[in-house]
Amino acid sequence: MKFKKPTLKTSRRMKKVKGRGTKPEKIFASLLRKNGIKYQGQPKLFGKPDFRVKDTKVLIFCDSSFWHGRRRKEITGEAFRINRSFWTEKLLYNKNKDKRVSRILRLRGWTVVRFWDDEILKHPVQVLKKLKKYVKTSK
């Protein structure tokens, strides 16, 4: 998919966004360590998962609500005043790519678990419960 070129101001802002080592990822890693769940961070696997739970076939993605198109107003472009079509297209592309990556990893035998950044930040106990179910069934 080809995107229209963003403005120079937007490009500069986007370059500052981190893809690894984000706050939700750091909190998630801490949650895993505190609960004795052994993991590998940033495993070199298709789709670039954030974590792999050791001794299982569980991969974890910590997705940003914004960049992965969680909210309707971002996907429909209502959240953007400038370059609306670029952002709508980009976020739809990201969302579809996530679905494609998950499907391919599942076909390869992996269990794919995706958590939203706000889930990790606001409800870590529920996130941990959900993860433990997947880890238990994957062993």
C-alpha atoms as a PDB file:
ATOM      1  CA  MET A   1       0.000   0.000   0.000  1.00  0.00           C
ATOM      2  CA  LYS A   2       1.326   3.419  -0.910  1.00  0.00           C
ATOM      3  CA  PHE A   3       0.724   6.405   1.344  1.00  0.00           C
ATOM      4  CA  LYS A   4       0.701  10.091   0.502  1.00  0.00           C
ATOM      5  CA  LYS A   5       3.774  11.774   1.879  1.00  0.00           C
ATOM      6  CA  PRO A   6       3.159  13.362   5.314  1.00  0.00           C
ATOM      7  CA  THR A   7       4.097  16.965   6.009  1.00  0.00           C
ATOM      8  CA  LEU A   8       7.605  17.750   7.249  1.00  0.00           C
ATOM      9  CA  LYS A   9       6.246  18.632  10.696  1.00  0.00           C
ATOM     10  CA  THR A  10       4.390  15.308  10.888  1.00  0.00           C
ATOM     11  CA  SER A  11       7.474  13.389   9.730  1.00  0.00           C
ATOM     12  CA  ARG A  12       9.593  14.930  12.479  1.00  0.00           C
ATOM     13  CA  ARG A  13       6.969  14.089  15.088  1.00  0.00           C
ATOM     14  CA  MET A  14       6.631  10.492  13.843  1.00  0.00           C
ATOM     15  CA  LYS A  15      10.413   9.929  14.009  1.00  0.00           C
ATOM     16  CA  LYS A  16      10.278  10.546  17.762  1.00  0.00           C
ATOM     17  CA  VAL A  17       7.801   7.693  18.332  1.00  0.00           C
ATOM     18  CA  LYS A  18       9.555   4.634  19.743  1.00  0.00           C
ATOM     19  CA  GLY A  19       8.805   1.181  18.411  1.00  0.00           C
ATOM     20  CA  ARG A  20      10.557  -0.717  21.207  1.00  0.00           C
ATOM     21  CA  GLY A  21      11.038  -0.168  24.920  1.00  0.00           C
ATOM     22  CA  THR A  22       7.793   1.721  25.379  1.00  0.00           C
ATOM     23  CA  LYS A  23       6.256   2.317  28.802  1.00  0.00           C
ATOM     24  CA  PRO A  24       3.604  -0.417  28.329  1.00  0.00           C
ATOM     25  CA  GLU A  25       6.334  -2.898  27.293  1.00  0.00           C
ATOM     26  CA  LYS A  26       8.445  -2.046  30.351  1.00  0.00           C
ATOM     27  CA  ILE A  27       5.435  -2.459  32.652  1.00  0.00           C
ATOM     28  CA  PHE A  28       4.537  -5.746  30.962  1.00  0.00           C
ATOM     29  CA  ALA A  29       8.085  -7.071  31.356  1.00  0.00           C
ATOM     30  CA  SER A  30       8.018  -6.112  35.027  1.00  0.00           C
ATOM     31  CA  LEU A  31       4.680  -7.890  35.425  1.00  0.00           C
ATOM     32  CA  LEU A  32       6.126 -11.058  33.885  1.00  0.00           C
ATOM     33  CA  ARG A  33       9.235 -10.958  36.099  1.00  0.00           C
ATOM     34  CA  LYS A  34       7.261 -10.340  39.310  1.00  0.00           C
ATOM     35  CA  ASN A  35       5.054 -13.330  38.543  1.00  0.00           C
ATOM     36  CA  GLY A  36       7.871 -15.705  37.686  1.00  0.00           C
ATOM     37  CA  ILE A  37       6.972 -15.994  34.007  1.00  0.00           C
ATOM     38  CA  LYS A  38      10.150 -16.525  32.004  1.00  0.00           C
ATOM     39  CA  TYR A  39      10.187 -14.647  28.744  1.00  0.00           C
ATOM     40  CA  GLN A  40      12.294 -13.495  25.857  1.00  0.00           C
ATOM     41  CA  GLY A  41      11.946  -9.846  24.917  1.00  0.00           C
ATOM     42  CA  GLN A  42      11.914  -8.815  21.267  1.00  0.00           C
ATOM     43  CA  PRO A  43      12.320 -12.335  19.800  1.00  0.00           C
ATOM     44  CA  LYS A  44      13.495 -12.338  16.203  1.00  0.00           C
ATOM     45  CA  LEU A  45      10.329 -13.824  14.754  1.00  0.00           C
ATOM     46  CA  PHE A  46       7.949 -12.911  11.954  1.00  0.00           C
ATOM     47  CA  GLY A  47       5.771  -9.933  12.839  1.00  0.00           C
ATOM     48  CA  LYS A  48       8.199  -8.665  15.521  1.00  0.00           C
ATOM     49  CA  PRO A  49       6.352  -9.734  18.687  1.00  0.00           C
ATOM     50  CA  ASP A  50       7.254  -7.906  21.882  1.00  0.00           C
ATOM     51  CA  PHE A  51       7.614 -11.038  24.032  1.00  0.00           C
ATOM     52  CA  ARG A  52       7.775 -14.817  23.788  1.00  0.00           C
ATOM     53  CA  VAL A  53       6.916 -16.831  26.885  1.00  0.00           C
ATOM     54  CA  LYS A  54       9.708 -19.393  27.280  1.00  0.00           C
ATOM     55  CA  ASP A  55       8.872 -23.107  27.125  1.00  0.00           C
ATOM     56  CA  THR A  56       5.565 -22.295  25.373  1.00  0.00           C
ATOM     57  CA  LYS A  57       4.390 -21.287  21.938  1.00  0.00           C
ATOM     58  CA  VAL A  58       2.907 -18.001  23.245  1.00  0.00           C
ATOM     59  CA  LEU A  59       3.788 -14.691  21.591  1.00  0.00           C
ATOM     60  CA  ILE A  60       2.714 -11.368  23.049  1.00  0.00           C
ATOM     61  CA  PHE A  61       2.157  -8.063  21.298  1.00  0.00           C
ATOM     62  CA  CYS A  62       1.724  -4.829  23.285  1.00  0.00           C
ATOM     63  CA  ASP A  63      -0.217  -2.722  20.796  1.00  0.00           C
ATOM     64  CA  SER A  64      -0.672   1.035  20.910  1.00  0.00           C
ATOM     65  CA  SER A  65      -4.334   2.024  20.775  1.00  0.00           C
ATOM     66  CA  PHE A  66      -3.450   4.848  18.406  1.00  0.00           C
ATOM     67  CA  TRP A  67      -0.996   3.184  15.995  1.00  0.00           C
ATOM     68  CA  HIS A  68      -2.981  -0.036  15.748  1.00  0.00           C
ATOM     69  CA  GLY A  69      -6.338   1.625  15.142  1.00  0.00           C
ATOM     70  CA  ARG A  70      -8.344   0.664  18.203  1.00  0.00           C
ATOM     71  CA  ARG A  71     -10.704   3.621  18.216  1.00  0.00           C
ATOM     72  CA  ARG A  72     -13.327   4.193  15.532  1.00  0.00           C
ATOM     73  CA  LYS A  73     -12.719   7.941  15.287  1.00  0.00           C
ATOM     74  CA  GLU A  74      -9.099   7.358  14.247  1.00  0.00           C
ATOM     75  CA  ILE A  75      -9.970   4.747  11.636  1.00  0.00           C
ATOM     76  CA  THR A  76     -12.689   6.944  10.128  1.00  0.00           C
ATOM     77  CA  GLY A  77     -10.394   9.970  10.173  1.00  0.00           C
ATOM     78  CA  GLU A  78     -12.513  11.988  12.597  1.00  0.00           C
ATOM     79  CA  ALA A  79      -9.514  12.369  14.925  1.00  0.00           C
ATOM     80  CA  PHE A  80      -7.417  14.205  12.335  1.00  0.00           C
ATOM     81  CA  ARG A  81      -7.700  17.741  11.027  1.00  0.00           C
ATOM     82  CA  ILE A  82      -4.621  17.666   8.813  1.00  0.00           C
ATOM     83  CA  ASN A  83      -3.853  15.014   6.196  1.00  0.00           C
ATOM     84  CA  ARG A  84      -6.905  12.968   7.204  1.00  0.00           C
ATOM     85  CA  SER A  85      -6.715  10.551   4.276  1.00  0.00           C
ATOM     86  CA  PHE A  86      -3.051   9.706   5.021  1.00  0.00           C
ATOM     87  CA  TRP A  87      -3.782   8.843   8.648  1.00  0.00           C
ATOM     88  CA  THR A  88      -6.946   6.908   7.897  1.00  0.00           C
ATOM     89  CA  GLU A  89      -5.135   4.840   5.283  1.00  0.00           C
ATOM     90  CA  LYS A  90      -2.096   4.291   7.502  1.00  0.00           C
ATOM     91  CA  LEU A  91      -4.042   3.131  10.558  1.00  0.00           C
ATOM     92  CA  LEU A  92      -6.259   0.834   8.488  1.00  0.00           C
ATOM     93  CA  TYR A  93      -3.117  -0.630   6.947  1.00  0.00           C
ATOM     94  CA  ASN A  94      -1.609  -1.218  10.419  1.00  0.00           C
ATOM     95  CA  LYS A  95      -4.799  -2.859  11.666  1.00  0.00           C
ATOM     96  CA  ASN A  96      -4.979  -5.177   8.666  1.00  0.00           C
ATOM     97  CA  LYS A  97      -1.283  -6.000   8.981  1.00  0.00           C
ATOM     98  CA  ASP A  98      -1.836  -7.036  12.617  1.00  0.00           C
ATOM     99  CA  LYS A  99      -4.589  -9.432  11.525  1.00  0.00           C
ATOM    100  CA  ARG A 100      -2.378 -10.876   8.788  1.00  0.00           C
ATOM    101  CA  VAL A 101       0.607 -11.318  11.135  1.00  0.00           C
ATOM    102  CA  SER A 102      -1.550 -13.018  13.797  1.00  0.00           C
ATOM    103  CA  ARG A 103      -3.086 -15.359  11.226  1.00  0.00           C
ATOM    104  CA  ILE A 104       0.315 -16.388   9.810  1.00  0.00           C
ATOM    105  CA  LEU A 105       1.814 -16.952  13.269  1.00  0.00           C
ATOM    106  CA  ARG A 106      -1.188 -19.092  14.276  1.00  0.00           C
ATOM    107  CA  LEU A 107      -0.756 -21.154  11.120  1.00  0.00           C
ATOM    108  CA  ARG A 108       2.856 -21.699  12.215  1.00  0.00           C
ATOM    109  CA  GLY A 109       1.651 -23.080  15.556  1.00  0.00           C
ATOM    110  CA  TRP A 110       1.995 -20.017  17.774  1.00  0.00           C
ATOM    111  CA  THR A 111      -0.586 -18.713  20.218  1.00  0.00           C
ATOM    112  CA  VAL A 112      -0.819 -14.965  19.629  1.00  0.00           C
ATOM    113  CA  VAL A 113      -1.975 -12.700  22.446  1.00  0.00           C
ATOM    114  CA  ARG A 114      -2.435  -8.979  21.893  1.00  0.00           C
ATOM    115  CA  PHE A 115      -2.857  -6.441  24.678  1.00  0.00           C
ATOM    116  CA  TRP A 116      -3.697  -2.766  24.261  1.00  0.00           C
ATOM    117  CA  ASP A 117      -1.423  -0.204  25.899  1.00  0.00           C
ATOM    118  CA  ASP A 118      -4.229   1.210  28.052  1.00  0.00           C
ATOM    119  CA  GLU A 119      -5.137  -2.310  29.279  1.00  0.00           C
ATOM    120  CA  ILE A 120      -1.551  -2.843  30.420  1.00  0.00           C
ATOM    121  CA  LEU A 121      -1.340   0.566  32.100  1.00  0.00           C
ATOM    122  CA  LYS A 122      -4.776   0.588  33.779  1.00  0.00           C
ATOM    123  CA  HIS A 123      -5.615  -3.078  34.408  1.00  0.00           C
ATOM    124  CA  PRO A 124      -2.391  -5.083  34.809  1.00  0.00           C
ATOM    125  CA  VAL A 125      -4.052  -7.704  37.069  1.00  0.00           C
ATOM    126  CA  GLN A 126      -6.653  -8.578  34.404  1.00  0.00           C
ATOM    127  CA  VAL A 127      -3.942  -8.655  31.735  1.00  0.00           C
ATOM    128  CA  LEU A 128      -1.920 -11.090  33.835  1.00  0.00           C
ATOM    129  CA  LYS A 129      -4.968 -13.344  34.418  1.00  0.00           C
ATOM    130  CA  LYS A 130      -5.668 -13.448  30.700  1.00  0.00           C
ATOM    131  CA  LEU A 131      -2.042 -14.233  29.894  1.00  0.00           C
ATOM    132  CA  LYS A 132      -1.866 -17.035  32.471  1.00  0.00           C
ATOM    133  CA  LYS A 133      -4.821 -18.773  30.768  1.00  0.00           C
ATOM    134  CA  TYR A 134      -2.938 -18.795  27.470  1.00  0.00           C
ATOM    135  CA  VAL A 135       0.316 -19.925  29.074  1.00  0.00           C
ATOM    136  CA  LYS A 136      -1.440 -22.743  30.953  1.00  0.00           C
ATOM    137  CA  THR A 137      -3.138 -24.101  27.816  1.00  0.00           C
ATOM    138  CA  SER A 138       0.024 -23.771  25.737  1.00  0.00           C
ATOM    139  CA  LYS A 139       2.262 -25.967  27.934  1.00  0.00           C
END
